[in-house]
C-alpha cells in the first residue's frame, strides 16, 4: 500500500494525483499556520474531523 517513487516518474505521478477529484492543496493553510507556530510561548490547537489530514499537515511544518 503506497507508492515507491522513482525520480523519473515523480512529475507524472504528481500531475496524475493533482487531477483527481479529491486532491487537497494545503499550501494556503500552511502560509497561515507557520507564523503562528513560530511565536514563542503560544499554543495552537488544530481541530478537524477524523481522517482529515492533521498528522500530514503537522509533518509538513515539522
PDB file of N, CA and C in Angstrom:
ATOM      1  N   UNK A   1       0.850  -1.171   0.000  1.00  0.00           N
ATOM      2  CA  UNK A   1       0.000   0.000   0.000  1.00  0.00           C
ATOM      3  C   UNK A   1       0.893   1.230   0.000  1.00  0.00           C
ATOM      4  N   UNK A   2       0.792   2.042  -1.023  1.00  0.00           N
ATOM      5  CA  UNK A   2       1.600   3.241  -1.138  1.00  0.00           C
ATOM      6  C   UNK A   2       2.401   3.241  -2.412  1.00  0.00           C
ATOM      7  N   UNK A   3       3.111   4.318  -2.637  1.00  0.00           N
ATOM      8  CA  UNK A   3       3.904   4.479  -3.840  1.00  0.00           C
ATOM      9  C   UNK A   3       5.385   4.479  -3.491  1.00  0.00           C
ATOM     10  N   UNK A   4       6.177   3.822  -4.301  1.00  0.00           N
ATOM     11  CA  UNK A   4       7.613   3.950  -4.237  1.00  0.00           C
ATOM     12  C   UNK A   4       7.990   4.799  -5.427  1.00  0.00           C
ATOM     13  N   UNK A   5       8.449   6.006  -5.164  1.00  0.00           N
ATOM     14  CA  UNK A   5       8.677   6.968  -6.238  1.00  0.00           C
ATOM     15  C   UNK A   5      10.028   6.776  -6.892  1.00  0.00           C
ATOM     16  N   UNK A   6      10.004   6.661  -8.179  1.00  0.00           N
ATOM     17  CA  UNK A   6      11.209   6.640  -8.987  1.00  0.00           C
ATOM     18  C   UNK A   6      11.431   8.082  -9.440  1.00  0.00           C
ATOM     19  N   UNK A   7      12.624   8.631  -9.302  1.00  0.00           N
ATOM     20  CA  UNK A   7      12.857  10.026  -9.682  1.00  0.00           C
ATOM     21  C   UNK A   7      12.385  10.370 -11.089  1.00  0.00           C
ATOM     22  N   UNK A   8      12.364   9.394 -11.994  1.00  0.00           N
ATOM     23  CA  UNK A   8      11.918   9.666 -13.357  1.00  0.00           C
ATOM     24  C   UNK A   8      10.400   9.833 -13.436  1.00  0.00           C
ATOM     25  N   UNK A   9       9.676   9.254 -12.493  1.00  0.00           N
ATOM     26  CA  UNK A   9       8.216   9.262 -12.542  1.00  0.00           C
ATOM     27  C   UNK A   9       7.566  10.274 -11.609  1.00  0.00           C
ATOM     28  N   UNK A  10       8.314  11.006 -10.829  1.00  0.00           N
ATOM     29  CA  UNK A  10       7.746  11.885  -9.806  1.00  0.00           C
ATOM     30  C   UNK A  10       6.796  12.907 -10.411  1.00  0.00           C
ATOM     31  N   UNK A  11       7.190  13.568 -11.466  1.00  0.00           N
ATOM     32  CA  UNK A  11       6.355  14.613 -12.064  1.00  0.00           C
ATOM     33  C   UNK A  11       5.063  14.019 -12.617  1.00  0.00           C
ATOM     34  N   UNK A  12       5.165  12.866 -13.273  1.00  0.00           N
ATOM     35  CA  UNK A  12       3.963  12.230 -13.818  1.00  0.00           C
ATOM     36  C   UNK A  12       2.997  11.818 -12.715  1.00  0.00           C
ATOM     37  N   UNK A  13       3.519  11.260 -11.633  1.00  0.00           N
ATOM     38  CA  UNK A  13       2.670  10.847 -10.517  1.00  0.00           C
ATOM     39  C   UNK A  13       2.026  12.069  -9.863  1.00  0.00           C
ATOM     40  N   UNK A  14       2.792  13.136  -9.668  1.00  0.00           N
ATOM     41  CA  UNK A  14       2.248  14.355  -9.064  1.00  0.00           C
ATOM     42  C   UNK A  14       1.125  14.930  -9.930  1.00  0.00           C
ATOM     43  N   UNK A  15       1.336  15.025 -11.228  1.00  0.00           N
ATOM     44  CA  UNK A  15       0.306  15.553 -12.122  1.00  0.00           C
ATOM     45  C   UNK A  15      -0.949  14.694 -12.081  1.00  0.00           C
ATOM     46  N   UNK A  16      -0.789  13.377 -12.070  1.00  0.00           N
ATOM     47  CA  UNK A  16      -1.937  12.474 -12.029  1.00  0.00           C
ATOM     48  C   UNK A  16      -2.702  12.627 -10.711  1.00  0.00           C
ATOM     49  N   UNK A  17      -1.976  12.757  -9.601  1.00  0.00           N
ATOM     50  CA  UNK A  17      -2.630  12.893  -8.293  1.00  0.00           C
ATOM     51  C   UNK A  17      -3.372  14.220  -8.161  1.00  0.00           C
ATOM     52  N   UNK A  18      -2.808  15.294  -8.695  1.00  0.00           N
ATOM     53  CA  UNK A  18      -3.466  16.602  -8.570  1.00  0.00           C
ATOM     54  C   UNK A  18      -4.704  16.716  -9.445  1.00  0.00           C
ATOM     55  N   UNK A  19      -4.862  15.843 -10.404  1.00  0.00           N
ATOM     56  CA  UNK A  19      -6.046  15.872 -11.267  1.00  0.00           C
ATOM     57  C   UNK A  19      -7.202  15.050 -10.695  1.00  0.00           C
ATOM     58  N   UNK A  20      -6.976  14.322  -9.623  1.00  0.00           N
ATOM     59  CA  UNK A  20      -8.044  13.538  -9.002  1.00  0.00           C
ATOM     60  C   UNK A  20      -9.041  14.475  -8.325  1.00  0.00           C
ATOM     61  N   UNK A  21     -10.306  14.070  -8.218  1.00  0.00           N
ATOM     62  CA  UNK A  21     -11.329  14.978  -7.685  1.00  0.00           C
ATOM     63  C   UNK A  21     -11.169  15.312  -6.202  1.00  0.00           C
ATOM     64  N   UNK A  22     -10.406  14.524  -5.438  1.00  0.00           N
ATOM     65  CA  UNK A  22     -10.298  14.772  -4.008  1.00  0.00           C
ATOM     66  C   UNK A  22      -8.908  15.213  -3.580  1.00  0.00           C
ATOM     67  N   UNK A  23      -8.166  15.857  -4.447  1.00  0.00           N
ATOM     68  CA  UNK A  23      -6.850  16.383  -4.101  1.00  0.00           C
ATOM     69  C   UNK A  23      -7.034  17.664  -3.300  1.00  0.00           C
ATOM     70  N   UNK A  24      -6.366  17.775  -2.157  1.00  0.00           N
ATOM     71  CA  UNK A  24      -6.483  18.957  -1.301  1.00  0.00           C
ATOM     72  C   UNK A  24      -5.124  19.643  -1.233  1.00  0.00           C
ATOM     73  N   UNK A  25      -5.077  20.883  -1.668  1.00  0.00           N
ATOM     74  CA  UNK A  25      -3.849  21.673  -1.608  1.00  0.00           C
ATOM     75  C   UNK A  25      -3.859  22.466  -0.305  1.00  0.00           C
ATOM     76  N   UNK A  26      -2.901  22.164   0.589  1.00  0.00           N
ATOM     77  CA  UNK A  26      -2.868  22.802   1.906  1.00  0.00           C
ATOM     78  C   UNK A  26      -1.852  23.942   1.981  1.00  0.00           C
ATOM     79  N   UNK A  27      -1.420  24.438   0.844  1.00  0.00           N
ATOM     80  CA  UNK A  27      -0.420  25.499   0.818  1.00  0.00           C
ATOM     81  C   UNK A  27      -0.894  26.746   1.541  1.00  0.00           C
ATOM     82  N   UNK A  28      -2.126  27.157   1.294  1.00  0.00           N
ATOM     83  CA  UNK A  28      -2.657  28.365   1.921  1.00  0.00           C
ATOM     84  C   UNK A  28      -2.783  28.192   3.437  1.00  0.00           C
ATOM     85  N   UNK A  29      -3.197  27.007   3.861  1.00  0.00           N
ATOM     86  CA  UNK A  29      -3.308  26.718   5.294  1.00  0.00           C
ATOM     87  C   UNK A  29      -1.943  26.825   5.970  1.00  0.00           C
ATOM     88  N   UNK A  30      -0.909  26.292   5.308  1.00  0.00           N
ATOM     89  CA  UNK A  30       0.440  26.343   5.868  1.00  0.00           C
ATOM     90  C   UNK A  30       0.950  27.775   5.954  1.00  0.00           C
ATOM     91  N   UNK A  31       0.620  28.601   4.972  1.00  0.00           N
ATOM     92  CA  UNK A  31       1.051  30.004   4.995  1.00  0.00           C
ATOM     93  C   UNK A  31       0.502  30.725   6.221  1.00  0.00           C
ATOM     94  N   UNK A  32      -0.690  30.373   6.658  1.00  0.00           N
ATOM     95  CA  UNK A  32      -1.263  30.976   7.868  1.00  0.00           C
ATOM     96  C   UNK A  32      -0.766  30.301   9.141  1.00  0.00           C
ATOM     97  N   UNK A  33      -0.504  29.019   9.069  1.00  0.00           N
ATOM     98  CA  UNK A  33      -0.151  28.247  10.252  1.00  0.00           C
ATOM     99  C   UNK A  33       1.289  28.462  10.714  1.00  0.00           C
ATOM    100  N   UNK A  34       2.227  28.541   9.801  1.00  0.00           N
ATOM    101  CA  UNK A  34       3.647  28.624  10.163  1.00  0.00           C
ATOM    102  C   UNK A  34       3.967  29.852  11.026  1.00  0.00           C
ATOM    103  N   UNK A  35       3.477  31.066  10.697  1.00  0.00           N
ATOM    104  CA  UNK A  35       3.757  32.207  11.597  1.00  0.00           C
ATOM    105  C   UNK A  35       3.205  32.003  13.011  1.00  0.00           C
ATOM    106  N   UNK A  36       2.072  31.333  13.125  1.00  0.00           N
ATOM    107  CA  UNK A  36       1.506  31.073  14.457  1.00  0.00           C
ATOM    108  C   UNK A  36       2.364  30.095  15.244  1.00  0.00           C
ATOM    109  N   UNK A  37       2.905  29.096  14.574  1.00  0.00           N
ATOM    110  CA  UNK A  37       3.745  28.091  15.226  1.00  0.00           C
ATOM    111  C   UNK A  37       5.059  28.709  15.687  1.00  0.00           C
ATOM    112  N   UNK A  38       5.572  29.674  14.932  1.00  0.00           N
ATOM    113  CA  UNK A  38       6.869  30.286  15.253  1.00  0.00           C
ATOM    114  C   UNK A  38       6.808  31.257  16.421  1.00  0.00           C
ATOM    115  N   UNK A  39       5.618  31.648  16.888  1.00  0.00           N
ATOM    116  CA  UNK A  39       5.503  32.567  18.026  1.00  0.00           C
ATOM    117  C   UNK A  39       5.930  31.861  19.304  1.00  0.00           C
ATOM    118  N   UNK A  40       6.710  32.554  20.106  1.00  0.00           N
ATOM    119  CA  UNK A  40       7.185  31.999  21.373  1.00  0.00           C
ATOM    120  C   UNK A  40       6.079  32.047  22.422  1.00  0.00           C
ATOM    121  N   UNK A  41       5.981  30.989  23.215  1.00  0.00           N
ATOM    122  CA  UNK A  41       5.073  30.978  24.356  1.00  0.00           C
ATOM    123  C   UNK A  41       3.602  30.871  24.006  1.00  0.00           C
ATOM    124  N   UNK A  42       3.272  30.403  22.815  1.00  0.00           N
ATOM    125  CA  UNK A  42       1.859  30.260  22.466  1.00  0.00           C
ATOM    126  C   UNK A  42       1.570  28.814  22.087  1.00  0.00           C
ATOM    127  N   UNK A  43       0.328  28.440  22.221  1.00  0.00           N
ATOM    128  CA  UNK A  43      -0.115  27.098  21.872  1.00  0.00           C
ATOM    129  C   UNK A  43      -1.092  27.189  20.711  1.00  0.00           C
ATOM    130  N   UNK A  44      -1.137  26.140  19.940  1.00  0.00           N
ATOM    131  CA  UNK A  44      -2.020  26.109  18.789  1.00  0.00           C
ATOM    132  C   UNK A  44      -2.743  24.764  18.764  1.00  0.00           C
ATOM    133  N   UNK A  45      -4.036  24.805  18.655  1.00  0.00           N
ATOM    134  CA  UNK A  45      -4.826  23.578  18.585  1.00  0.00           C
ATOM    135  C   UNK A  45      -5.543  23.533  17.240  1.00  0.00           C
ATOM    136  N   UNK A  46      -5.254  22.499  16.470  1.00  0.00           N
ATOM    137  CA  UNK A  46      -5.916  22.315  15.184  1.00  0.00           C
ATOM    138  C   UNK A  46      -6.918  21.197  15.356  1.00  0.00           C
ATOM    139  N   UNK A  47      -8.194  21.544  15.325  1.00  0.00           N
ATOM    140  CA  UNK A  47      -9.242  20.543  15.499  1.00  0.00           C
ATOM    141  C   UNK A  47      -9.949  20.339  14.170  1.00  0.00           C
ATOM    142  N   UNK A  48      -9.917  19.149  13.692  1.00  0.00           N
ATOM    143  CA  UNK A  48     -10.577  18.752  12.452  1.00  0.00           C
ATOM    144  C   UNK A  48     -11.166  17.358  12.669  1.00  0.00           C
ATOM    145  N   UNK A  49     -12.092  16.942  11.820  1.00  0.00           N
ATOM    146  CA  UNK A  49     -12.650  15.588  11.954  1.00  0.00           C
ATOM    147  C   UNK A  49     -11.601  14.507  11.736  1.00  0.00           C
ATOM    148  N   UNK A  50     -11.947  13.293  12.123  1.00  0.00           N
ATOM    149  CA  UNK A  50     -11.063  12.151  11.883  1.00  0.00           C
ATOM    150  C   UNK A  50     -10.733  12.053  10.406  1.00  0.00           C
ATOM    151  N   UNK A  51      -9.519  11.564  10.119  1.00  0.00           N
ATOM    152  CA  UNK A  51      -9.074  11.284   8.753  1.00  0.00           C
ATOM    153  C   UNK A  51      -9.098  12.540   7.878  1.00  0.00           C
ATOM    154  N   UNK A  52      -8.768  13.693   8.460  1.00  0.00           N
ATOM    155  CA  UNK A  52      -8.834  14.960   7.729  1.00  0.00           C
ATOM    156  C   UNK A  52      -7.453  15.552   7.477  1.00  0.00           C
ATOM    157  N   UNK A  53      -6.384  14.802   7.728  1.00  0.00           N
ATOM    158  CA  UNK A  53      -5.048  15.248   7.370  1.00  0.00           C
ATOM    159  C   UNK A  53      -4.307  16.050   8.421  1.00  0.00           C
ATOM    160  N   UNK A  54      -4.683  15.939   9.687  1.00  0.00           N
ATOM    161  CA  UNK A  54      -3.991  16.696  10.723  1.00  0.00           C
ATOM    162  C   UNK A  54      -2.534  16.265  10.859  1.00  0.00           C
ATOM    163  N   UNK A  55      -2.282  14.985  10.858  1.00  0.00           N
ATOM    164  CA  UNK A  55      -0.911  14.483  11.003  1.00  0.00           C
ATOM    165  C   UNK A  55      -0.064  14.809   9.777  1.00  0.00           C
ATOM    166  N   UNK A  56      -0.656  14.735   8.603  1.00  0.00           N
ATOM    167  CA  UNK A  56       0.075  15.071   7.380  1.00  0.00           C
ATOM    168  C   UNK A  56       0.458  16.550   7.387  1.00  0.00           C
ATOM    169  N   UNK A  57      -0.463  17.398   7.805  1.00  0.00           N
ATOM    170  CA  UNK A  57      -0.183  18.833   7.876  1.00  0.00           C
ATOM    171  C   UNK A  57       0.911  19.117   8.901  1.00  0.00           C
ATOM    172  N   UNK A  58       0.840  18.471  10.052  1.00  0.00           N
ATOM    173  CA  UNK A  58       1.859  18.663  11.080  1.00  0.00           C
ATOM    174  C   UNK A  58       3.229  18.190  10.574  1.00  0.00           C
ATOM    175  N   UNK A  59       3.257  17.121   9.821  1.00  0.00           N
ATOM    176  CA  UNK A  59       4.534  16.622   9.276  1.00  0.00           C
ATOM    177  C   UNK A  59       5.113  17.595   8.261  1.00  0.00           C
ATOM    178  N   UNK A  60       4.270  18.313   7.530  1.00  0.00           N
ATOM    179  CA  UNK A  60       4.768  19.276   6.530  1.00  0.00           C
ATOM    180  C   UNK A  60       5.449  20.471   7.179  1.00  0.00           C
ATOM    181  N   UNK A  61       5.022  20.851   8.381  1.00  0.00           N
ATOM    182  CA  UNK A  61       5.646  22.011   9.023  1.00  0.00           C
ATOM    183  C   UNK A  61       6.782  21.600   9.951  1.00  0.00           C
ATOM    184  N   UNK A  62       6.918  20.317  10.231  1.00  0.00           N
ATOM    185  CA  UNK A  62       7.913  19.813  11.178  1.00  0.00           C
ATOM    186  C   UNK A  62       9.222  19.648  10.594  1.00  0.00           C
TER     187      UNK A  62
END
